[in-house]
Amino acid sequence: MDDSARLLTALIESGVDLVEVGLPYSDPVAGRADDQAAAEIALRGGTRSEIVFSVVERVASAGGTGGP
C-alpha cells in the first residue's frame, strides 16, 4: 500500500486532473476480464476496502487533493 500511496501522490503532483481508485470486488461477472483478474489478485493479496480508504485518506491528508 505504500507503493500505491507514492504512485497516487506522484500522479497528482505531476498534474493529472482525475485519479480513479477502485475497490476490489468478488463478483465474477462484473467489469472486464482484466478488471476481474486485478480484483481477484488484490483480494488474494489481502486488499480490503478499509485498506484502500486508508491509502486515499493518507494521500489526501498529505495535500494530494489536486485542488485549486
C-alpha atoms as a PDB file:
ATOM      1  CA  MET A   1       0.000   0.000   0.000  1.00  0.00           C
ATOM      2  CA  ASP A   2       2.978   2.305   0.483  1.00  0.00           C
ATOM      3  CA  ASP A   3       3.709   1.993  -3.235  1.00  0.00           C
ATOM      4  CA  SER A   4       0.091   2.830  -4.046  1.00  0.00           C
ATOM      5  CA  ALA A   5       0.239   5.970  -1.905  1.00  0.00           C
ATOM      6  CA  ARG A   6       3.528   7.037  -3.525  1.00  0.00           C
ATOM      7  CA  LEU A   7       2.185   6.445  -7.031  1.00  0.00           C
ATOM      8  CA  LEU A   8      -1.064   8.315  -6.364  1.00  0.00           C
ATOM      9  CA  THR A   9       0.888  11.228  -4.906  1.00  0.00           C
ATOM     10  CA  ALA A  10       3.243  11.287  -7.894  1.00  0.00           C
ATOM     11  CA  LEU A  11       0.307  11.297 -10.329  1.00  0.00           C
ATOM     12  CA  ILE A  12      -1.367  14.170  -8.518  1.00  0.00           C
ATOM     13  CA  GLU A  13       1.836  16.168  -8.166  1.00  0.00           C
ATOM     14  CA  SER A  14       2.539  15.751 -11.880  1.00  0.00           C
ATOM     15  CA  GLY A  15      -0.752  17.437 -12.699  1.00  0.00           C
ATOM     16  CA  VAL A  16      -3.298  14.763 -13.532  1.00  0.00           C
ATOM     17  CA  ASP A  17      -6.868  16.042 -13.447  1.00  0.00           C
ATOM     18  CA  LEU A  18      -8.517  12.928 -12.031  1.00  0.00           C
ATOM     19  CA  VAL A  19      -7.456   9.742 -10.290  1.00  0.00           C
ATOM     20  CA  GLU A  20      -9.860   6.814 -10.087  1.00  0.00           C
ATOM     21  CA  VAL A  21      -9.291   4.492  -7.154  1.00  0.00           C
ATOM     22  CA  GLY A  22     -11.165   1.217  -7.373  1.00  0.00           C
ATOM     23  CA  LEU A  23     -12.220  -1.209  -4.705  1.00  0.00           C
ATOM     24  CA  PRO A  24     -11.588  -4.913  -5.265  1.00  0.00           C
ATOM     25  CA  TYR A  25     -14.774  -6.947  -5.537  1.00  0.00           C
ATOM     26  CA  SER A  26     -15.578 -10.628  -5.832  1.00  0.00           C
ATOM     27  CA  ASP A  27     -18.356 -10.508  -8.457  1.00  0.00           C
ATOM     28  CA  PRO A  28     -17.087 -12.782 -11.239  1.00  0.00           C
ATOM     29  CA  VAL A  29     -19.300 -11.224 -13.922  1.00  0.00           C
ATOM     30  CA  ALA A  30     -18.786  -7.525 -13.193  1.00  0.00           C
ATOM     31  CA  GLY A  31     -16.429  -5.470 -15.332  1.00  0.00           C
ATOM     32  CA  ARG A  32     -13.952  -6.503 -17.989  1.00  0.00           C
ATOM     33  CA  ALA A  33     -11.752  -9.575 -17.778  1.00  0.00           C
ATOM     34  CA  ASP A  34      -8.674  -7.543 -16.797  1.00  0.00           C
ATOM     35  CA  ASP A  35     -10.663  -5.773 -14.044  1.00  0.00           C
ATOM     36  CA  GLN A  36     -11.839  -9.150 -12.743  1.00  0.00           C
ATOM     37  CA  ALA A  37      -8.291 -10.524 -12.736  1.00  0.00           C
ATOM     38  CA  ALA A  38      -6.904  -7.466 -10.939  1.00  0.00           C
ATOM     39  CA  ALA A  39      -9.654  -7.635  -8.309  1.00  0.00           C
ATOM     40  CA  GLU A  40      -9.004 -11.331  -7.727  1.00  0.00           C
ATOM     41  CA  ILE A  41      -5.267 -10.741  -7.304  1.00  0.00           C
ATOM     42  CA  ALA A  42      -5.892  -7.837  -4.914  1.00  0.00           C
ATOM     43  CA  LEU A  43      -8.330  -9.854  -2.797  1.00  0.00           C
ATOM     44  CA  ARG A  44      -5.989 -12.857  -2.651  1.00  0.00           C
ATOM     45  CA  GLY A  45      -3.234 -10.466  -1.577  1.00  0.00           C
ATOM     46  CA  GLY A  46      -5.295  -9.252   1.365  1.00  0.00           C
ATOM     47  CA  THR A  47      -6.550  -5.930  -0.003  1.00  0.00           C
ATOM     48  CA  ARG A  48      -9.738  -4.833   1.723  1.00  0.00           C
ATOM     49  CA  SER A  49     -11.916  -1.724   1.469  1.00  0.00           C
ATOM     50  CA  GLU A  50     -10.600  -0.255   4.707  1.00  0.00           C
ATOM     51  CA  ILE A  51      -7.030  -0.506   3.393  1.00  0.00           C
ATOM     52  CA  VAL A  52      -7.971   1.285   0.153  1.00  0.00           C
ATOM     53  CA  PHE A  53      -9.746   4.042   2.098  1.00  0.00           C
ATOM     54  CA  SER A  54      -6.696   4.365   4.346  1.00  0.00           C
ATOM     55  CA  VAL A  55      -4.425   4.936   1.339  1.00  0.00           C
ATOM     56  CA  VAL A  56      -6.800   7.541  -0.130  1.00  0.00           C
ATOM     57  CA  GLU A  57      -7.031   9.313   3.235  1.00  0.00           C
ATOM     58  CA  ARG A  58      -3.237   9.275   3.571  1.00  0.00           C
ATOM     59  CA  VAL A  59      -2.745  10.853   0.147  1.00  0.00           C
ATOM     60  CA  ALA A  60      -5.472  13.454   0.705  1.00  0.00           C
ATOM     61  CA  SER A  61      -4.196  14.426   4.167  1.00  0.00           C
ATOM     62  CA  ALA A  62      -0.720  14.904   2.738  1.00  0.00           C
ATOM     63  CA  GLY A  63      -2.124  17.571   0.454  1.00  0.00           C
ATOM     64  CA  GLY A  64      -2.526  15.333  -2.559  1.00  0.00           C
ATOM     65  CA  THR A  65      -6.002  16.554  -3.405  1.00  0.00           C
ATOM     66  CA  GLY A  66      -5.136  18.361  -6.587  1.00  0.00           C
ATOM     67  CA  GLY A  67      -7.430  21.240  -5.641  1.00  0.00           C
ATOM     68  CA  PRO A  68      -7.042  24.840  -6.808  1.00  0.00           C
END
